[in-house]
Amino acid sequence: MKLLRLGAKGAERPAILHSDGTYRDISSVVVDIAGDTLTAAGLARIAASDIGSLPELPQSSRIGPCVGNVGKFICIGLNYADHAAETGADIPEEPIVFMKATSAIIGPNDDVRIPRNSKKTDWEVELGIIIGKEASYVDEADAMDHVAGYCVVNDLSEREFQIERSGQWVKGKSADTFGPIGPYLVTRDEVEDPQKLAMWLEVDGHRYQDGSTKTMIFGVQHLVSYLSQFMSLQPGDIITTGTPPASAWGRSRNRFI
């Protein structure tokens, strides 16, 4: 299934992309695409509904973030071998973990606001993992049981704030609007292998990033298991998994936004 949230900011309605290409309102089935809706039982309730009989929502509707009420927005840095190489960084021995403020989250087509005094705002296309079942000390072999699905994330970053000023990366990652997610939450059953997905990003019509999740250093299963050793993961938490080459921080440094 491809699930999404449509409507004005703060008033989004849960919806599904029907097989006929229309958006159908599923608010009579679930309250939101969040929390318990993302558990196996919640997703099964949507799958069992008669989608074709549900109200159609306008195609012109604003597409909001594909997950509501996100608890944790966890990020993995330098997780593509080719991206690490272009930045001159060593391959990490363990995942580099940092957080992004949930107040950064916006819809995939919403306007991004450049923060005050920004000199180096950058882009990063990433695969987002959406947790569907609480995970605590999970073995890698069982990690996929805790994944509800996936989404696209643009991990916008202010590189001067992140790298050239003291402190943690979080302050270069968390400006309002720096976390577009969606349009869809694609359920796990629709993605045969999350390590074989094309990833690309364009700026002003020019394609800068054109990579694949196959060059991830730490894959989806490993990341879910790894993070669960340090904190419990809850339904609706998002893990954004790093970016392929050619952000402005990499080889295109003269193209900061």
Protein backbone atom coordinates (compact mmCIF):
# COMPACT_ATOMS: atom_id res chain seq x y z
CA MET A 1 0.00 0.00 0.00
CA LYS A 2 0.96 3.62 -0.56
CA LEU A 3 -0.35 5.71 2.32
CA LEU A 4 -0.31 9.48 2.58
CA ARG A 5 -1.82 12.42 4.46
CA LEU A 6 -3.72 15.14 2.62
CA GLY A 7 -4.90 18.59 3.63
CA ALA A 8 -3.86 21.82 5.28
CA LYS A 9 -1.04 21.80 7.80
CA GLY A 10 -2.30 20.40 11.07
CA ALA A 11 -5.53 19.16 9.49
CA GLU A 12 -4.27 16.36 7.24
CA ARG A 13 -6.54 13.39 6.57
CA PRO A 14 -5.20 9.84 6.23
CA ALA A 15 -5.44 8.58 2.66
CA ILE A 16 -4.38 5.79 0.35
CA LEU A 17 -3.39 5.74 -3.30
CA HIS A 18 -6.04 3.56 -4.94
CA SER A 19 -5.20 1.25 -7.85
CA ASP A 20 -7.14 3.59 -10.18
CA GLY A 21 -4.77 6.47 -9.33
CA THR A 22 -7.17 8.34 -7.05
CA TYR A 23 -6.63 9.33 -3.45
CA ARG A 24 -9.17 7.75 -1.09
CA ASP A 25 -10.01 9.07 2.37
CA ILE A 26 -9.41 6.35 4.99
CA SER A 27 -10.33 8.45 8.03
CA SER A 28 -13.30 6.14 8.63
CA VAL A 29 -10.84 3.26 8.98
CA VAL A 30 -7.96 4.84 10.92
CA VAL A 31 -7.51 8.12 12.76
CA ASP A 32 -4.16 9.01 11.18
CA ILE A 33 -1.07 7.53 9.56
CA ALA A 34 0.70 7.47 12.91
CA GLY A 35 1.30 5.42 16.02
CA ASP A 36 -0.86 2.30 16.27
CA THR A 37 -1.99 2.61 12.64
CA LEU A 38 1.54 1.56 11.68
CA THR A 39 1.44 -1.69 13.60
CA ALA A 40 0.70 -4.93 11.75
CA ALA A 41 -2.87 -4.83 13.05
CA GLY A 42 -3.38 -1.23 11.96
CA LEU A 43 -2.05 -1.82 8.46
CA ALA A 44 -4.11 -5.01 8.15
CA ARG A 45 -7.23 -3.00 9.00
CA ILE A 46 -6.54 -0.66 6.09
CA ALA A 47 -5.73 -3.52 3.71
CA ALA A 48 -9.00 -5.27 4.58
CA SER A 49 -11.16 -2.21 3.87
CA ASP A 50 -13.09 -1.70 0.62
CA ILE A 51 -10.88 1.08 -0.72
CA GLY A 52 -12.96 1.62 -3.84
CA SER A 53 -16.04 2.51 -1.80
CA LEU A 54 -14.27 5.20 0.26
CA PRO A 55 -14.61 8.93 -0.54
CA GLU A 56 -12.27 10.35 -3.15
CA LEU A 57 -10.06 13.27 -2.18
CA PRO A 58 -9.05 15.98 -4.69
CA GLN A 59 -5.82 15.38 -6.59
CA SER A 60 -5.04 19.04 -5.95
CA SER A 61 -4.94 18.49 -2.18
CA ARG A 62 -1.77 19.49 -0.37
CA ILE A 63 0.32 16.43 0.44
CA GLY A 64 1.44 16.57 4.05
CA PRO A 65 4.16 14.55 5.80
CA CYS A 66 3.39 10.87 5.26
CA VAL A 67 3.65 10.14 9.01
CA GLY A 68 1.99 12.20 11.71
CA ASN A 69 3.09 12.78 15.28
CA VAL A 70 6.62 11.45 14.74
CA GLY A 71 8.28 10.61 18.06
CA LYS A 72 11.92 10.33 17.01
CA PHE A 73 13.66 11.45 13.83
CA ILE A 74 16.93 9.52 13.88
CA CYS A 75 19.62 10.09 11.26
CA ILE A 76 22.60 8.08 10.04
CA GLY A 77 25.61 9.95 8.67
CA LEU A 78 28.16 8.95 6.03
CA ASN A 79 26.35 5.69 5.33
CA TYR A 80 27.13 5.37 1.61
CA ALA A 81 30.62 4.23 0.69
CA ASP A 82 30.74 6.47 -2.39
CA HIS A 83 29.51 9.51 -0.43
CA ALA A 84 32.11 8.94 2.30
CA ALA A 85 34.78 8.71 -0.39
CA GLU A 86 33.81 11.99 -2.06
CA THR A 87 33.97 13.85 1.27
CA GLY A 88 37.35 12.33 2.15
CA ALA A 89 35.94 10.60 5.22
CA ASP A 90 36.96 7.17 6.45
CA ILE A 91 34.39 4.38 6.28
CA PRO A 92 32.72 4.36 9.71
CA GLU A 93 33.28 1.27 11.83
CA GLU A 94 29.82 1.74 13.36
CA PRO A 95 26.86 3.82 12.22
CA ILE A 96 27.18 7.56 12.88
CA VAL A 97 23.99 8.48 14.73
CA PHE A 98 22.49 11.92 15.27
CA MET A 99 19.02 13.38 15.70
CA LYS A 100 16.94 15.81 13.69
CA ALA A 101 14.23 17.87 15.41
CA THR A 102 10.71 16.66 14.58
CA SER A 103 9.70 20.33 14.20
CA ALA A 104 11.67 20.26 10.92
CA ILE A 105 9.16 17.86 9.33
CA ILE A 106 7.06 19.17 6.41
CA GLY A 107 5.29 17.74 3.38
CA PRO A 108 7.31 16.77 0.32
CA ASN A 109 6.18 19.76 -1.75
CA ASP A 110 6.06 22.39 0.98
CA ASP A 111 8.35 25.42 0.76
CA VAL A 112 11.74 25.15 2.42
CA ARG A 113 12.86 28.25 4.32
CA ILE A 114 16.57 29.03 4.38
CA PRO A 115 17.51 29.83 8.00
CA ARG A 116 18.83 33.24 9.01
CA ASN A 117 22.56 33.72 8.41
CA SER A 118 22.78 30.55 6.33
CA LYS A 119 25.68 30.32 3.91
CA LYS A 120 25.70 26.61 3.05
CA THR A 121 22.24 25.07 2.91
CA ASP A 122 22.51 21.66 1.26
CA TRP A 123 20.32 18.80 0.05
CA GLU A 124 20.42 15.03 0.69
CA VAL A 125 18.01 12.47 -0.73
CA GLU A 126 17.61 9.57 1.70
CA LEU A 127 15.61 6.42 2.29
CA GLY A 128 13.51 6.68 5.44
CA ILE A 129 12.61 3.62 7.53
CA ILE A 130 9.31 3.90 9.39
CA ILE A 131 9.00 1.77 12.51
CA GLY A 132 5.79 -0.23 12.95
CA LYS A 133 6.48 -2.30 16.06
CA GLU A 134 8.36 -1.46 19.22
CA ALA A 135 11.98 -2.52 18.93
CA SER A 136 14.29 -2.99 21.89
CA TYR A 137 17.45 -5.14 21.73
CA VAL A 138 16.30 -6.67 18.46
CA ASP A 139 18.45 -9.21 16.62
CA GLU A 140 19.31 -8.32 13.04
CA ALA A 141 17.50 -11.44 11.80
CA ASP A 142 14.26 -10.15 13.32
CA ALA A 143 14.69 -6.47 12.48
CA MET A 144 12.35 -6.39 9.48
CA ASP A 145 9.44 -7.48 11.68
CA HIS A 146 9.64 -4.01 13.22
CA VAL A 147 9.49 -2.04 9.94
CA ALA A 148 6.12 -0.70 8.75
CA GLY A 149 7.47 0.73 5.51
CA TYR A 150 9.62 3.32 3.82
CA CYS A 151 9.49 6.89 2.59
CA VAL A 152 11.66 9.44 0.83
CA VAL A 153 13.40 11.99 3.06
CA ASN A 154 15.25 15.14 2.08
CA ASP A 155 17.75 15.62 4.91
CA LEU A 156 18.37 19.32 4.36
CA SER A 157 21.45 20.58 6.18
CA GLU A 158 23.20 23.87 6.90
CA ARG A 159 26.81 22.78 6.57
CA GLU A 160 28.42 25.77 8.28
CA PHE A 161 26.14 25.30 11.31
CA GLN A 162 26.78 21.54 11.21
CA ILE A 163 30.52 21.32 10.63
CA GLU A 164 32.26 24.66 11.06
CA ARG A 165 30.70 25.75 14.33
CA SER A 166 31.12 23.96 17.65
CA GLY A 167 28.67 21.41 18.99
CA GLN A 168 26.68 18.56 17.53
CA TRP A 169 25.41 18.07 13.99
CA VAL A 170 21.80 18.45 15.14
CA LYS A 171 21.88 22.25 14.93
CA GLY A 172 22.79 22.13 11.25
CA LYS A 173 20.02 19.62 10.55
CA SER A 174 17.02 20.89 12.48
CA ALA A 175 15.91 24.23 11.04
CA ASP A 176 12.18 24.54 10.48
CA THR A 177 11.27 22.94 7.10
CA PHE A 178 14.54 20.95 6.94
CA GLY A 179 12.73 17.59 6.98
CA PRO A 180 10.45 17.02 3.95
CA ILE A 181 9.10 13.45 4.01
CA GLY A 182 6.87 11.60 1.57
CA PRO A 183 4.76 11.77 -0.48
CA TYR A 184 4.04 8.13 0.40
CA LEU A 185 4.63 5.70 3.17
CA VAL A 186 5.21 2.58 1.08
CA THR A 187 4.47 -0.51 3.14
CA ARG A 188 7.22 -3.07 3.59
CA ASP A 189 5.51 -5.73 1.46
CA GLU A 190 5.85 -3.53 -1.65
CA VAL A 191 9.64 -3.26 -1.38
CA GLU A 192 11.27 -6.56 -2.25
CA ASP A 193 14.79 -5.45 -1.32
CA PRO A 194 15.46 -2.05 0.30
CA GLN A 195 19.12 -2.42 -0.65
CA LYS A 196 18.29 -2.23 -4.38
CA LEU A 197 16.56 1.13 -4.68
CA ALA A 198 17.55 3.96 -7.02
CA MET A 199 17.98 7.29 -5.23
CA TRP A 200 18.11 10.61 -7.07
CA LEU A 201 17.67 14.34 -6.45
CA GLU A 202 17.44 17.34 -8.74
CA VAL A 203 18.02 21.04 -8.06
CA ASP A 204 16.54 23.49 -10.56
CA GLY A 205 16.06 20.68 -13.05
CA HIS A 206 19.66 19.44 -12.84
CA ARG A 207 20.20 15.96 -11.43
CA TYR A 208 23.01 16.09 -8.90
CA GLN A 209 22.46 12.90 -6.93
CA ASP A 210 21.98 9.64 -8.81
CA GLY A 211 22.84 6.63 -6.68
CA SER A 212 21.51 3.45 -5.15
CA THR A 213 20.91 2.01 -1.70
CA LYS A 214 23.17 -0.88 -2.74
CA THR A 215 26.17 1.25 -1.72
CA MET A 216 24.93 1.67 1.84
CA ILE A 217 27.57 0.70 4.38
CA PHE A 218 25.01 -0.36 6.98
CA GLY A 219 21.75 -1.73 5.59
CA VAL A 220 18.20 -1.43 6.85
CA GLN A 221 18.23 -4.57 8.99
CA HIS A 222 21.50 -3.67 10.64
CA LEU A 223 20.39 -0.11 11.41
CA VAL A 224 17.13 -1.13 13.07
CA SER A 225 18.92 -3.74 15.17
CA TYR A 226 21.83 -1.43 15.99
CA LEU A 227 19.70 1.50 17.11
CA SER A 228 17.49 -0.76 19.23
CA GLN A 229 20.54 -1.55 21.36
CA PHE A 230 20.70 2.08 22.49
CA MET A 231 17.05 3.18 22.61
CA SER A 232 13.64 1.65 22.09
CA LEU A 233 12.09 2.39 18.71
CA GLN A 234 8.36 3.11 18.65
CA PRO A 235 5.71 2.93 15.89
CA GLY A 236 5.97 6.11 13.86
CA ASP A 237 9.65 6.76 14.56
CA ILE A 238 11.63 7.53 11.40
CA ILE A 239 15.22 6.50 10.68
CA THR A 240 16.75 8.34 7.74
CA THR A 241 19.61 6.28 6.44
CA GLY A 242 22.21 8.50 4.78
CA THR A 243 22.69 9.86 1.29
CA PRO A 244 24.42 8.82 -1.94
CA PRO A 245 27.08 11.06 -3.54
CA ALA A 246 26.84 14.59 -4.94
CA SER A 247 25.29 16.72 -2.28
CA ALA A 248 26.82 20.20 -2.34
CA TRP A 249 29.04 19.13 0.58
CA GLY A 250 30.56 16.56 -1.77
CA ARG A 251 31.73 17.42 -5.23
CA SER A 252 29.34 20.32 -5.94
CA ARG A 253 30.32 22.74 -3.20
CA ASN A 254 29.56 25.81 -5.33
CA ARG A 255 25.92 24.76 -5.52
CA PHE A 256 24.74 25.35 -1.98
CA ILE A 257 21.15 26.56 -2.02
